[in-house]
Amino acid sequence: MEVINIIIICLIGIFIFLELLFLYLKNDNLRKIFKCFPLLLTSILFLLIDYKAFYIPSIIAFLYALGDFFLLSLNKKLFFVGALSFAFGHMLLIFYLFFTKIFLYNLWALIISLFVILIFMIIFFIYMKDKMKSFIYGGCFYVSLLLFIFLYSLASTFINNPTTYIALIIGSLTYFVSDILVIKERFIKDTKYLNLAIMSLYYLTNILIFVSLYIF
C-alpha cells in the first residue's frame, strides 16, 4: 500500500508540473487534460491512507476536483456550478476543522474574524457589484469562507499560540489571493500569465492545507 501511495504522490506532482508547463506555453487544450487529476488523486490518496480517519478530507478534495472540472468551461452557468462545488468544499473544511478540534472554539477569535469579514465584504460588494452583477452575492459568500479560515486560524494563533496553524494560515491566505485573482480574471480583466499565477498559488494552497489536515 505504501508503494501505491508513493506512486500517487509522484503522479500528483507530475500532473501539477504538466498543467503549469502548458499554462506557461499557453497550450490550453493540453493543460485541460491534466487539470482535474491532482485533486482527484489527492481524494483517492486520503482513502488509501486511512479511509476511516480521512474520509472527510477525501470528500473535500473530490469537491475541489469537481470544481476544477466545471471551471474548465467559460460558460457562466458551469462556472457557477464549479464555484458552488468549491464553496461546499470550503464549508466542509470549516466543519472538519471544528469537528476534529483542530480549531478550538474561541469567542474573541470568532468576533475578530467576523468583524474583519464584514468590513471586507462591504468594500468588496461596493467595488464589485457592477462588475459581477448577479454573481456578487455568491461571490461575497464564497470569498468570506476562505477569509474566515485564514482569519480564525490567525486570530487563534495570537490568542492560543499553536504553531501548528502556520501552514493552514499560509494555505488559506494563498487560496484567498488565488480566488481574488480568479474573480479579476473572470469579471475585470485577464492579464498575461495571470492564470499561471492563479494555478501556482492554487496548488501551493492545496499542498499546505491537505498536508495540514494529514498532520493534524
C-alpha atoms as a PDB file:
ATOM      1  CA  MET A   1       0.000   0.000   0.000  1.00  0.00           C
ATOM      2  CA  GLU A   2       2.865   2.400   0.777  1.00  0.00           C
ATOM      3  CA  VAL A   3       4.277   1.877  -2.724  1.00  0.00           C
ATOM      4  CA  ILE A   4       0.891   2.764  -4.248  1.00  0.00           C
ATOM      5  CA  ASN A   5       0.727   5.911  -2.097  1.00  0.00           C
ATOM      6  CA  ILE A   6       4.194   6.984  -3.251  1.00  0.00           C
ATOM      7  CA  ILE A   7       3.209   6.396  -6.888  1.00  0.00           C
ATOM      8  CA  ILE A   8       0.062   8.508  -6.440  1.00  0.00           C
ATOM      9  CA  ILE A   9       2.048  11.328  -4.791  1.00  0.00           C
ATOM     10  CA  CYS A  10       4.512  11.248  -7.704  1.00  0.00           C
ATOM     11  CA  LEU A  11       1.639  11.353 -10.201  1.00  0.00           C
ATOM     12  CA  ILE A  12       0.122  14.337  -8.384  1.00  0.00           C
ATOM     13  CA  GLY A  13       3.446  16.180  -8.708  1.00  0.00           C
ATOM     14  CA  ILE A  14       3.785  15.239 -12.394  1.00  0.00           C
ATOM     15  CA  PHE A  15       0.244  16.377 -13.258  1.00  0.00           C
ATOM     16  CA  ILE A  16       0.732  19.685 -11.422  1.00  0.00           C
ATOM     17  CA  PHE A  17       4.013  20.281 -13.270  1.00  0.00           C
ATOM     18  CA  LEU A  18       2.470  19.437 -16.657  1.00  0.00           C
ATOM     19  CA  GLU A  19      -0.521  21.705 -16.158  1.00  0.00           C
ATOM     20  CA  LEU A  20       1.656  24.632 -15.091  1.00  0.00           C
ATOM     21  CA  LEU A  21       4.019  23.949 -18.002  1.00  0.00           C
ATOM     22  CA  PHE A  22       1.212  24.005 -20.573  1.00  0.00           C
ATOM     23  CA  LEU A  23      -0.246  27.089 -18.921  1.00  0.00           C
ATOM     24  CA  TYR A  24       3.104  28.813 -19.393  1.00  0.00           C
ATOM     25  CA  LEU A  25       3.235  27.601 -23.006  1.00  0.00           C
ATOM     26  CA  LYS A  26      -0.386  28.786 -23.471  1.00  0.00           C
ATOM     27  CA  ASN A  27      -1.492  25.372 -24.728  1.00  0.00           C
ATOM     28  CA  ASP A  28      -4.970  25.342 -23.214  1.00  0.00           C
ATOM     29  CA  ASN A  29      -6.059  22.046 -24.775  1.00  0.00           C
ATOM     30  CA  LEU A  30      -3.218  20.033 -23.233  1.00  0.00           C
ATOM     31  CA  ARG A  31      -3.446  21.939 -19.973  1.00  0.00           C
ATOM     32  CA  LYS A  32      -7.104  20.973 -19.504  1.00  0.00           C
ATOM     33  CA  ILE A  33      -6.212  17.277 -19.783  1.00  0.00           C
ATOM     34  CA  PHE A  34      -4.173  17.408 -16.556  1.00  0.00           C
ATOM     35  CA  LYS A  35      -6.131  19.996 -14.516  1.00  0.00           C
ATOM     36  CA  CYS A  36      -8.592  17.746 -12.656  1.00  0.00           C
ATOM     37  CA  PHE A  37      -6.230  14.881 -11.795  1.00  0.00           C
ATOM     38  CA  PRO A  38      -4.165  16.327  -8.878  1.00  0.00           C
ATOM     39  CA  LEU A  39      -7.149  16.850  -6.542  1.00  0.00           C
ATOM     40  CA  LEU A  40      -8.888  13.683  -7.710  1.00  0.00           C
ATOM     41  CA  LEU A  41      -5.753  11.682  -6.899  1.00  0.00           C
ATOM     42  CA  THR A  42      -5.486  13.520  -3.555  1.00  0.00           C
ATOM     43  CA  SER A  43      -9.014  12.340  -2.762  1.00  0.00           C
ATOM     44  CA  ILE A  44      -8.046   8.750  -3.579  1.00  0.00           C
ATOM     45  CA  LEU A  45      -4.803   9.076  -1.601  1.00  0.00           C
ATOM     46  CA  PHE A  46      -6.634  10.012   1.619  1.00  0.00           C
ATOM     47  CA  LEU A  47      -8.898   6.973   1.243  1.00  0.00           C
ATOM     48  CA  LEU A  48      -5.917   4.690   0.736  1.00  0.00           C
ATOM     49  CA  ILE A  49      -4.029   6.102   3.737  1.00  0.00           C
ATOM     50  CA  ASP A  50      -6.940   5.645   6.162  1.00  0.00           C
ATOM     51  CA  TYR A  51     -10.490   5.945   4.841  1.00  0.00           C
ATOM     52  CA  LYS A  52     -11.989   5.921   8.356  1.00  0.00           C
ATOM     53  CA  ALA A  53      -9.866   8.826   9.575  1.00  0.00           C
ATOM     54  CA  PHE A  54      -9.656  10.837   6.351  1.00  0.00           C
ATOM     55  CA  TYR A  55     -12.949  10.328   4.520  1.00  0.00           C
ATOM     56  CA  ILE A  56     -13.940  13.984   5.033  1.00  0.00           C
ATOM     57  CA  PRO A  57     -10.640  15.384   3.615  1.00  0.00           C
ATOM     58  CA  SER A  58     -11.161  12.919   0.745  1.00  0.00           C
ATOM     59  CA  ILE A  59     -14.616  14.375   0.061  1.00  0.00           C
ATOM     60  CA  ILE A  60     -13.204  17.920   0.267  1.00  0.00           C
ATOM     61  CA  ALA A  61     -10.513  17.076  -2.309  1.00  0.00           C
ATOM     62  CA  PHE A  62     -13.151  15.469  -4.550  1.00  0.00           C
ATOM     63  CA  LEU A  63     -15.365  18.579  -4.372  1.00  0.00           C
ATOM     64  CA  TYR A  64     -12.344  20.699  -5.342  1.00  0.00           C
ATOM     65  CA  ALA A  65     -11.603  18.339  -8.262  1.00  0.00           C
ATOM     66  CA  LEU A  66     -15.249  18.620  -9.338  1.00  0.00           C
ATOM     67  CA  GLY A  67     -14.956  22.395  -9.148  1.00  0.00           C
ATOM     68  CA  ASP A  68     -11.830  22.254 -11.319  1.00  0.00           C
ATOM     69  CA  PHE A  69     -13.742  20.242 -13.919  1.00  0.00           C
ATOM     70  CA  PHE A  70     -16.642  22.696 -14.199  1.00  0.00           C
ATOM     71  CA  LEU A  71     -14.349  25.735 -14.168  1.00  0.00           C
ATOM     72  CA  LEU A  72     -12.675  24.445 -17.320  1.00  0.00           C
ATOM     73  CA  SER A  73     -15.673  25.854 -19.196  1.00  0.00           C
ATOM     74  CA  LEU A  74     -16.070  29.551 -19.965  1.00  0.00           C
ATOM     75  CA  ASN A  75     -19.851  29.107 -19.660  1.00  0.00           C
ATOM     76  CA  LYS A  76     -21.146  31.255 -16.770  1.00  0.00           C
ATOM     77  CA  LYS A  77     -23.634  28.633 -15.600  1.00  0.00           C
ATOM     78  CA  LEU A  78     -20.932  25.963 -15.388  1.00  0.00           C
ATOM     79  CA  PHE A  79     -18.647  28.499 -13.703  1.00  0.00           C
ATOM     80  CA  PHE A  80     -21.369  28.944 -11.063  1.00  0.00           C
ATOM     81  CA  VAL A  81     -21.664  25.144 -10.578  1.00  0.00           C
ATOM     82  CA  GLY A  82     -17.882  24.918 -10.190  1.00  0.00           C
ATOM     83  CA  ALA A  83     -17.834  27.768  -7.676  1.00  0.00           C
ATOM     84  CA  LEU A  84     -20.670  26.059  -5.784  1.00  0.00           C
ATOM     85  CA  SER A  85     -18.649  22.833  -5.605  1.00  0.00           C
ATOM     86  CA  PHE A  86     -15.683  24.753  -4.171  1.00  0.00           C
ATOM     87  CA  ALA A  87     -17.995  26.533  -1.698  1.00  0.00           C
ATOM     88  CA  PHE A  88     -19.320  23.187  -0.423  1.00  0.00           C
ATOM     89  CA  GLY A  89     -15.709  22.036  -0.102  1.00  0.00           C
ATOM     90  CA  HIS A  90     -14.796  25.133   1.935  1.00  0.00           C
ATOM     91  CA  MET A  91     -17.837  24.713   4.214  1.00  0.00           C
ATOM     92  CA  LEU A  92     -16.957  21.071   4.767  1.00  0.00           C
ATOM     93  CA  LEU A  93     -13.366  22.098   5.530  1.00  0.00           C
ATOM     94  CA  ILE A  94     -14.566  24.552   8.194  1.00  0.00           C
ATOM     95  CA  PHE A  95     -16.829  21.853   9.673  1.00  0.00           C
ATOM     96  CA  TYR A  96     -13.927  19.375   9.714  1.00  0.00           C
ATOM     97  CA  LEU A  97     -11.589  21.848  11.425  1.00  0.00           C
ATOM     98  CA  PHE A  98     -14.055  22.394  14.270  1.00  0.00           C
ATOM     99  CA  PHE A  99     -15.355  18.806  14.395  1.00  0.00           C
ATOM    100  CA  THR A 100     -11.879  17.346  14.837  1.00  0.00           C
ATOM    101  CA  LYS A 101     -10.963  20.169  17.263  1.00  0.00           C
ATOM    102  CA  ILE A 102      -8.164  21.396  15.020  1.00  0.00           C
ATOM    103  CA  PHE A 103      -9.940  24.711  15.531  1.00  0.00           C
ATOM    104  CA  LEU A 104     -10.754  25.264  19.212  1.00  0.00           C
ATOM    105  CA  TYR A 105     -13.752  27.480  19.897  1.00  0.00           C
ATOM    106  CA  ASN A 106     -12.629  30.939  20.934  1.00  0.00           C
ATOM    107  CA  LEU A 107     -15.096  33.803  21.236  1.00  0.00           C
ATOM    108  CA  TRP A 108     -12.518  36.545  20.572  1.00  0.00           C
ATOM    109  CA  ALA A 109     -11.155  34.786  17.503  1.00  0.00           C
ATOM    110  CA  LEU A 110     -14.731  34.431  16.216  1.00  0.00           C
ATOM    111  CA  ILE A 111     -15.621  38.098  16.865  1.00  0.00           C
ATOM    112  CA  ILE A 112     -12.411  39.397  15.279  1.00  0.00           C
ATOM    113  CA  SER A 113     -12.842  37.143  12.230  1.00  0.00           C
ATOM    114  CA  LEU A 114     -16.488  38.076  11.635  1.00  0.00           C
ATOM    115  CA  PHE A 115     -15.783  41.798  12.118  1.00  0.00           C
ATOM    116  CA  VAL A 116     -12.957  41.840   9.562  1.00  0.00           C
ATOM    117  CA  ILE A 117     -15.037  39.755   7.128  1.00  0.00           C
ATOM    118  CA  LEU A 118     -17.944  42.199   7.444  1.00  0.00           C
ATOM    119  CA  ILE A 119     -15.715  45.180   6.649  1.00  0.00           C
ATOM    120  CA  PHE A 120     -14.115  43.379   3.697  1.00  0.00           C
ATOM    121  CA  MET A 121     -17.479  42.217   2.313  1.00  0.00           C
ATOM    122  CA  ILE A 122     -18.872  45.773   2.382  1.00  0.00           C
ATOM    123  CA  ILE A 123     -15.857  47.050   0.428  1.00  0.00           C
ATOM    124  CA  PHE A 124     -15.940  44.050  -1.933  1.00  0.00           C
ATOM    125  CA  PHE A 125     -19.674  44.478  -2.601  1.00  0.00           C
ATOM    126  CA  ILE A 126     -19.404  48.205  -3.324  1.00  0.00           C
ATOM    127  CA  TYR A 127     -16.444  47.762  -5.682  1.00  0.00           C
ATOM    128  CA  MET A 128     -17.573  44.589  -7.488  1.00  0.00           C
ATOM    129  CA  LYS A 129     -21.400  44.775  -7.628  1.00  0.00           C
ATOM    130  CA  ASP A 130     -21.491  46.381 -11.102  1.00  0.00           C
ATOM    131  CA  LYS A 131     -18.828  44.044 -12.468  1.00  0.00           C
ATOM    132  CA  MET A 132     -20.131  40.754 -11.068  1.00  0.00           C
ATOM    133  CA  LYS A 133     -23.862  41.631 -11.308  1.00  0.00           C
ATOM    134  CA  SER A 134     -25.941  38.611 -10.182  1.00  0.00           C
ATOM    135  CA  PHE A 135     -22.778  36.740  -9.112  1.00  0.00           C
ATOM    136  CA  ILE A 136     -21.951  39.318  -6.432  1.00  0.00           C
ATOM    137  CA  TYR A 137     -23.939  37.680  -3.608  1.00  0.00           C
ATOM    138  CA  GLY A 138     -22.478  34.233  -4.222  1.00  0.00           C
ATOM    139  CA  GLY A 139     -19.046  35.814  -4.624  1.00  0.00           C
ATOM    140  CA  CYS A 140     -19.320  37.554  -1.245  1.00  0.00           C
ATOM    141  CA  PHE A 141     -20.346  34.327   0.480  1.00  0.00           C
ATOM    142  CA  TYR A 142     -17.662  32.286  -1.287  1.00  0.00           C
ATOM    143  CA  VAL A 143     -14.800  34.672  -0.510  1.00  0.00           C
ATOM    144  CA  SER A 144     -15.949  35.029   3.111  1.00  0.00           C
ATOM    145  CA  LEU A 145     -15.498  31.271   3.683  1.00  0.00           C
ATOM    146  CA  LEU A 146     -11.792  31.356   2.810  1.00  0.00           C
ATOM    147  CA  LEU A 147     -11.316  34.620   4.646  1.00  0.00           C
ATOM    148  CA  PHE A 148     -12.860  33.057   7.766  1.00  0.00           C
ATOM    149  CA  ILE A 149     -10.431  30.107   7.731  1.00  0.00           C
ATOM    150  CA  PHE A 150      -7.479  32.481   7.375  1.00  0.00           C
ATOM    151  CA  LEU A 151      -8.648  34.999   9.992  1.00  0.00           C
ATOM    152  CA  TYR A 152      -9.785  32.435  12.573  1.00  0.00           C
ATOM    153  CA  SER A 153      -6.547  30.453  12.364  1.00  0.00           C
ATOM    154  CA  LEU A 154      -4.545  33.712  12.514  1.00  0.00           C
ATOM    155  CA  ALA A 155      -6.510  35.064  15.492  1.00  0.00           C
ATOM    156  CA  SER A 156      -6.278  31.692  17.254  1.00  0.00           C
ATOM    157  CA  THR A 157      -2.509  31.713  16.762  1.00  0.00           C
ATOM    158  CA  PHE A 158      -2.156  35.074  18.517  1.00  0.00           C
ATOM    159  CA  ILE A 159      -4.550  34.036  21.300  1.00  0.00           C
ATOM    160  CA  ASN A 160      -3.537  30.403  21.889  1.00  0.00           C
ATOM    161  CA  ASN A 161      -0.144  30.384  20.126  1.00  0.00           C
ATOM    162  CA  PRO A 162      -0.410  26.941  18.448  1.00  0.00           C
ATOM    163  CA  THR A 163       2.352  26.865  15.851  1.00  0.00           C
ATOM    164  CA  THR A 164       0.546  24.003  14.095  1.00  0.00           C
ATOM    165  CA  TYR A 165      -1.717  26.612  12.461  1.00  0.00           C
ATOM    166  CA  ILE A 166       1.114  28.163  10.430  1.00  0.00           C
ATOM    167  CA  ALA A 167       0.672  26.010   7.290  1.00  0.00           C
ATOM    168  CA  LEU A 168      -3.094  26.460   7.495  1.00  0.00           C
ATOM    169  CA  ILE A 169      -2.710  30.251   7.777  1.00  0.00           C
ATOM    170  CA  ILE A 170      -0.428  30.437   4.747  1.00  0.00           C
ATOM    171  CA  GLY A 171      -2.550  27.956   2.778  1.00  0.00           C
ATOM    172  CA  SER A 172      -5.857  29.725   3.406  1.00  0.00           C
ATOM    173  CA  LEU A 173      -4.274  33.108   2.623  1.00  0.00           C
ATOM    174  CA  THR A 174      -2.857  31.928  -0.702  1.00  0.00           C
ATOM    175  CA  TYR A 175      -6.231  30.302  -1.507  1.00  0.00           C
ATOM    176  CA  PHE A 176      -7.937  33.644  -0.805  1.00  0.00           C
ATOM    177  CA  VAL A 177      -5.465  35.522  -3.018  1.00  0.00           C
ATOM    178  CA  SER A 178      -5.818  32.888  -5.751  1.00  0.00           C
ATOM    179  CA  ASP A 179      -9.614  33.215  -5.795  1.00  0.00           C
ATOM    180  CA  ILE A 180      -9.475  37.019  -5.801  1.00  0.00           C
ATOM    181  CA  LEU A 181      -7.278  36.704  -8.907  1.00  0.00           C
ATOM    182  CA  VAL A 182      -9.845  34.302 -10.438  1.00  0.00           C
ATOM    183  CA  ILE A 183     -12.532  36.957  -9.894  1.00  0.00           C
ATOM    184  CA  LYS A 184     -10.244  39.529 -11.502  1.00  0.00           C
ATOM    185  CA  GLU A 185      -9.683  37.219 -14.487  1.00  0.00           C
ATOM    186  CA  ARG A 186     -13.381  36.411 -14.995  1.00  0.00           C
ATOM    187  CA  PHE A 187     -15.024  39.730 -14.187  1.00  0.00           C
ATOM    188  CA  ILE A 188     -12.438  42.514 -14.580  1.00  0.00           C
ATOM    189  CA  LYS A 189      -9.516  41.833 -16.907  1.00  0.00           C
ATOM    190  CA  ASP A 190      -7.258  38.942 -17.801  1.00  0.00           C
ATOM    191  CA  THR A 191      -3.557  39.790 -17.953  1.00  0.00           C
ATOM    192  CA  LYS A 192      -0.512  37.934 -19.205  1.00  0.00           C
ATOM    193  CA  TYR A 193       0.386  34.911 -17.084  1.00  0.00           C
ATOM    194  CA  LEU A 194      -2.426  35.693 -14.615  1.00  0.00           C
ATOM    195  CA  ASN A 195      -3.804  32.160 -14.923  1.00  0.00           C
ATOM    196  CA  LEU A 196      -0.333  30.737 -14.290  1.00  0.00           C
ATOM    197  CA  ALA A 197      -0.096  32.773 -11.083  1.00  0.00           C
ATOM    198  CA  ILE A 198      -3.598  31.642 -10.059  1.00  0.00           C
ATOM    199  CA  MET A 199      -2.882  27.952 -10.543  1.00  0.00           C
ATOM    200  CA  SER A 200       0.571  28.152  -8.926  1.00  0.00           C
ATOM    201  CA  LEU A 201      -0.986  29.674  -5.813  1.00  0.00           C
ATOM    202  CA  TYR A 202      -3.872  27.202  -6.012  1.00  0.00           C
ATOM    203  CA  TYR A 203      -1.612  24.144  -5.929  1.00  0.00           C
ATOM    204  CA  LEU A 204       0.620  25.643  -3.229  1.00  0.00           C
ATOM    205  CA  THR A 205      -2.545  26.229  -1.228  1.00  0.00           C
ATOM    206  CA  ASN A 206      -3.832  22.689  -1.590  1.00  0.00           C
ATOM    207  CA  ILE A 207      -0.468  21.197  -0.669  1.00  0.00           C
ATOM    208  CA  LEU A 208      -0.339  23.278   2.521  1.00  0.00           C
ATOM    209  CA  ILE A 209      -3.965  22.664   3.518  1.00  0.00           C
ATOM    210  CA  PHE A 210      -4.083  18.925   2.837  1.00  0.00           C
ATOM    211  CA  VAL A 211      -0.678  18.322   4.414  1.00  0.00           C
ATOM    212  CA  SER A 212      -2.003  20.235   7.451  1.00  0.00           C
ATOM    213  CA  LEU A 213      -5.100  18.021   7.603  1.00  0.00           C
ATOM    214  CA  TYR A 214      -2.910  14.917   7.398  1.00  0.00           C
ATOM    215  CA  ILE A 215      -0.544  16.123  10.144  1.00  0.00           C
ATOM    216  CA  PHE A 216      -3.363  17.214  12.447  1.00  0.00           C
END
